[in-house]
Amino acid sequence: MNLVQRVAGAAIGVLLIVVGLVFASVVLAAGAAIALLVWAWLWWRTRDLRRAAQRADGTVIEGEFRVEREVSRLDEPPR
């Protein structure tokens, strides 16, 4: 290869890298803008729930539960 081809190849390579970085930054900026819009929409839609939670009297119903599954053994007759 002669010197002109090497310089042209290097210039095209640098240009492609710069174009790729610009494209990636535009895509990331668009993604960030969309994420911000989705967050703002969810924040706006749930504002009534937050207000209701602040007005709640703070009553907490606490309890325990247990899931009991009926297990049949092979040596027991069926019920």
N, C-alpha and C. Protein backbone atom coordinates (compact mmCIF):
# COMPACT_ATOMS: atom_id res chain seq x y z
N MET A 1 0.85 -1.18 0.00
CA MET A 1 0.00 0.00 0.00
C MET A 1 0.89 1.24 0.00
N ASN A 2 0.42 2.21 -0.70
CA ASN A 2 1.21 3.44 -0.70
C ASN A 2 0.74 4.35 0.42
N LEU A 3 1.41 5.44 0.58
CA LEU A 3 1.16 6.36 1.70
C LEU A 3 -0.22 7.00 1.61
N VAL A 4 -0.70 7.30 0.42
CA VAL A 4 -2.00 7.94 0.24
C VAL A 4 -3.12 7.02 0.72
N GLN A 5 -3.02 5.75 0.41
CA GLN A 5 -4.04 4.80 0.84
C GLN A 5 -4.05 4.64 2.36
N ARG A 6 -2.88 4.62 2.95
CA ARG A 6 -2.80 4.50 4.41
C ARG A 6 -3.40 5.73 5.10
N VAL A 7 -3.09 6.89 4.61
CA VAL A 7 -3.63 8.13 5.20
C VAL A 7 -5.13 8.19 5.00
N ALA A 8 -5.60 7.82 3.81
CA ALA A 8 -7.04 7.83 3.55
C ALA A 8 -7.75 6.81 4.44
N GLY A 9 -7.16 5.63 4.61
CA GLY A 9 -7.76 4.62 5.48
C GLY A 9 -7.83 5.08 6.92
N ALA A 10 -6.76 5.72 7.40
CA ALA A 10 -6.77 6.23 8.77
C ALA A 10 -7.80 7.34 8.94
N ALA A 11 -7.91 8.21 7.95
CA ALA A 11 -8.89 9.31 8.03
C ALA A 11 -10.31 8.78 8.02
N ILE A 12 -10.56 7.79 7.17
CA ILE A 12 -11.91 7.21 7.12
C ILE A 12 -12.21 6.47 8.44
N GLY A 13 -11.22 5.79 8.99
CA GLY A 13 -11.41 5.11 10.27
C GLY A 13 -11.74 6.07 11.39
N VAL A 14 -10.98 7.18 11.46
CA VAL A 14 -11.26 8.19 12.48
C VAL A 14 -12.63 8.80 12.27
N LEU A 15 -12.99 9.06 11.01
CA LEU A 15 -14.30 9.64 10.71
C LEU A 15 -15.43 8.69 11.14
N LEU A 16 -15.27 7.40 10.87
CA LEU A 16 -16.30 6.44 11.27
C LEU A 16 -16.42 6.34 12.79
N ILE A 17 -15.30 6.41 13.49
CA ILE A 17 -15.36 6.38 14.96
C ILE A 17 -16.08 7.61 15.49
N VAL A 18 -15.80 8.78 14.92
CA VAL A 18 -16.46 10.01 15.37
C VAL A 18 -17.96 9.95 15.07
N VAL A 19 -18.32 9.47 13.88
CA VAL A 19 -19.74 9.35 13.53
C VAL A 19 -20.44 8.36 14.47
N GLY A 20 -19.77 7.26 14.79
CA GLY A 20 -20.34 6.29 15.73
C GLY A 20 -20.55 6.88 17.11
N LEU A 21 -19.60 7.66 17.59
CA LEU A 21 -19.75 8.29 18.90
C LEU A 21 -20.88 9.32 18.91
N VAL A 22 -21.00 10.08 17.83
CA VAL A 22 -22.10 11.06 17.74
C VAL A 22 -23.44 10.33 17.72
N PHE A 23 -23.54 9.26 16.92
CA PHE A 23 -24.78 8.49 16.87
C PHE A 23 -25.13 7.91 18.23
N ALA A 24 -24.13 7.35 18.91
CA ALA A 24 -24.37 6.76 20.23
C ALA A 24 -24.82 7.82 21.23
N SER A 25 -24.22 9.00 21.17
CA SER A 25 -24.62 10.05 22.11
C SER A 25 -26.04 10.53 21.84
N VAL A 26 -26.43 10.58 20.57
CA VAL A 26 -27.81 10.97 20.24
C VAL A 26 -28.79 9.91 20.73
N VAL A 27 -28.45 8.65 20.54
CA VAL A 27 -29.33 7.57 20.99
C VAL A 27 -29.44 7.57 22.52
N LEU A 28 -28.33 7.76 23.21
CA LEU A 28 -28.37 7.79 24.68
C LEU A 28 -29.14 9.01 25.19
N ALA A 29 -28.99 10.15 24.53
CA ALA A 29 -29.74 11.34 24.94
C ALA A 29 -31.23 11.14 24.72
N ALA A 30 -31.60 10.52 23.60
CA ALA A 30 -33.02 10.25 23.35
C ALA A 30 -33.57 9.26 24.38
N GLY A 31 -32.78 8.25 24.71
CA GLY A 31 -33.22 7.30 25.74
C GLY A 31 -33.39 7.95 27.09
N ALA A 32 -32.47 8.85 27.44
CA ALA A 32 -32.59 9.56 28.71
C ALA A 32 -33.82 10.46 28.72
N ALA A 33 -34.10 11.11 27.60
CA ALA A 33 -35.28 11.97 27.52
C ALA A 33 -36.56 11.15 27.65
N ILE A 34 -36.60 10.00 27.00
CA ILE A 34 -37.79 9.14 27.09
C ILE A 34 -37.95 8.63 28.52
N ALA A 35 -36.86 8.23 29.15
CA ALA A 35 -36.94 7.75 30.54
C ALA A 35 -37.42 8.87 31.47
N LEU A 36 -36.96 10.09 31.24
CA LEU A 36 -37.42 11.21 32.05
C LEU A 36 -38.90 11.47 31.86
N LEU A 37 -39.37 11.38 30.62
CA LEU A 37 -40.80 11.57 30.36
C LEU A 37 -41.64 10.48 31.02
N VAL A 38 -41.18 9.24 30.96
CA VAL A 38 -41.93 8.14 31.60
C VAL A 38 -41.96 8.34 33.11
N TRP A 39 -40.82 8.73 33.70
CA TRP A 39 -40.79 8.97 35.14
C TRP A 39 -41.74 10.11 35.53
N ALA A 40 -41.73 11.20 34.76
CA ALA A 40 -42.60 12.33 35.06
C ALA A 40 -44.07 11.94 34.93
N TRP A 41 -44.39 11.13 33.92
CA TRP A 41 -45.77 10.69 33.74
C TRP A 41 -46.21 9.82 34.92
N LEU A 42 -45.36 8.87 35.34
CA LEU A 42 -45.70 8.02 36.48
C LEU A 42 -45.81 8.84 37.76
N TRP A 43 -44.92 9.80 37.95
CA TRP A 43 -44.98 10.66 39.14
C TRP A 43 -46.29 11.44 39.15
N TRP A 44 -46.70 11.96 38.01
CA TRP A 44 -47.93 12.74 37.92
C TRP A 44 -49.16 11.85 38.16
N ARG A 45 -49.16 10.65 37.60
CA ARG A 45 -50.31 9.76 37.73
C ARG A 45 -50.46 9.22 39.15
N THR A 46 -49.39 9.14 39.93
CA THR A 46 -49.47 8.56 41.27
C THR A 46 -49.54 9.63 42.37
N ARG A 47 -49.74 10.87 41.99
CA ARG A 47 -49.74 11.92 43.02
C ARG A 47 -50.93 11.77 43.97
N ASP A 48 -52.07 11.31 43.48
CA ASP A 48 -53.22 11.10 44.36
C ASP A 48 -52.94 9.98 45.36
N LEU A 49 -52.24 8.95 44.94
CA LEU A 49 -51.89 7.87 45.87
C LEU A 49 -50.97 8.37 46.97
N ARG A 50 -50.02 9.23 46.60
CA ARG A 50 -49.11 9.77 47.62
C ARG A 50 -49.87 10.64 48.61
N ARG A 51 -50.80 11.44 48.12
CA ARG A 51 -51.60 12.28 49.02
C ARG A 51 -52.44 11.43 49.96
N ALA A 52 -53.04 10.38 49.43
CA ALA A 52 -53.86 9.49 50.26
C ALA A 52 -53.00 8.79 51.30
N ALA A 53 -51.79 8.43 50.94
CA ALA A 53 -50.91 7.78 51.91
C ALA A 53 -50.51 8.73 53.02
N GLN A 54 -50.36 10.01 52.71
CA GLN A 54 -50.02 10.99 53.74
C GLN A 54 -51.20 11.23 54.68
N ARG A 55 -52.42 11.12 54.16
CA ARG A 55 -53.60 11.35 54.99
C ARG A 55 -53.99 10.13 55.82
N ALA A 56 -53.40 8.98 55.54
CA ALA A 56 -53.76 7.75 56.25
C ALA A 56 -53.42 7.91 57.73
N ASP A 57 -54.18 7.20 58.57
CA ASP A 57 -54.00 7.34 60.02
C ASP A 57 -52.83 6.51 60.55
N GLY A 58 -52.16 5.77 59.70
CA GLY A 58 -50.99 5.01 60.13
C GLY A 58 -51.32 3.64 60.69
N THR A 59 -52.54 3.15 60.52
CA THR A 59 -52.91 1.84 61.03
C THR A 59 -52.26 0.76 60.17
N VAL A 60 -51.58 -0.14 60.84
CA VAL A 60 -50.93 -1.24 60.15
C VAL A 60 -51.55 -2.53 60.65
N ILE A 61 -52.06 -3.31 59.75
CA ILE A 61 -52.61 -4.62 60.12
C ILE A 61 -51.50 -5.63 59.89
N GLU A 62 -51.11 -6.28 60.98
CA GLU A 62 -49.97 -7.18 60.90
C GLU A 62 -50.44 -8.59 61.22
N GLY A 63 -49.86 -9.55 60.57
CA GLY A 63 -50.25 -10.93 60.84
C GLY A 63 -49.29 -11.90 60.18
N GLU A 64 -49.57 -13.16 60.42
CA GLU A 64 -48.76 -14.22 59.83
C GLU A 64 -49.69 -15.18 59.11
N PHE A 65 -49.13 -15.89 58.17
CA PHE A 65 -49.90 -16.92 57.51
C PHE A 65 -48.99 -18.09 57.20
N ARG A 66 -49.61 -19.22 57.01
CA ARG A 66 -48.86 -20.42 56.71
C ARG A 66 -49.63 -21.18 55.64
N VAL A 67 -48.91 -21.63 54.65
CA VAL A 67 -49.53 -22.43 53.59
C VAL A 67 -49.27 -23.89 53.93
N GLU A 68 -50.36 -24.63 54.12
CA GLU A 68 -50.24 -26.04 54.43
C GLU A 68 -50.79 -26.83 53.25
N ARG A 69 -49.94 -27.62 52.72
CA ARG A 69 -50.36 -28.44 51.60
C ARG A 69 -50.63 -29.85 52.12
N GLU A 70 -51.66 -30.43 51.58
CA GLU A 70 -51.99 -31.80 52.00
C GLU A 70 -51.05 -32.75 51.27
N VAL A 71 -50.32 -33.50 52.03
CA VAL A 71 -49.35 -34.45 51.47
C VAL A 71 -49.83 -35.86 51.79
N SER A 72 -49.95 -36.66 50.78
CA SER A 72 -50.36 -38.04 51.01
C SER A 72 -49.13 -38.93 50.85
N ARG A 73 -49.04 -39.89 51.74
CA ARG A 73 -47.92 -40.84 51.70
C ARG A 73 -48.39 -42.10 51.02
N LEU A 74 -47.44 -42.81 50.47
CA LEU A 74 -47.80 -44.05 49.75
C LEU A 74 -48.26 -45.15 50.70
N ASP A 75 -47.79 -45.14 51.95
CA ASP A 75 -48.15 -46.20 52.87
C ASP A 75 -49.44 -45.91 53.63
N GLU A 76 -50.06 -44.75 53.42
CA GLU A 76 -51.33 -44.41 54.07
C GLU A 76 -52.47 -44.60 53.07
N PRO A 77 -53.62 -45.07 53.55
CA PRO A 77 -54.77 -45.20 52.64
C PRO A 77 -55.27 -43.79 52.29
N PRO A 78 -55.86 -43.63 51.12
CA PRO A 78 -56.37 -42.31 50.74
C PRO A 78 -57.54 -41.89 51.63
N ARG A 79 -57.70 -40.64 51.84
CA ARG A 79 -58.76 -40.12 52.72
C ARG A 79 -60.05 -39.94 51.99
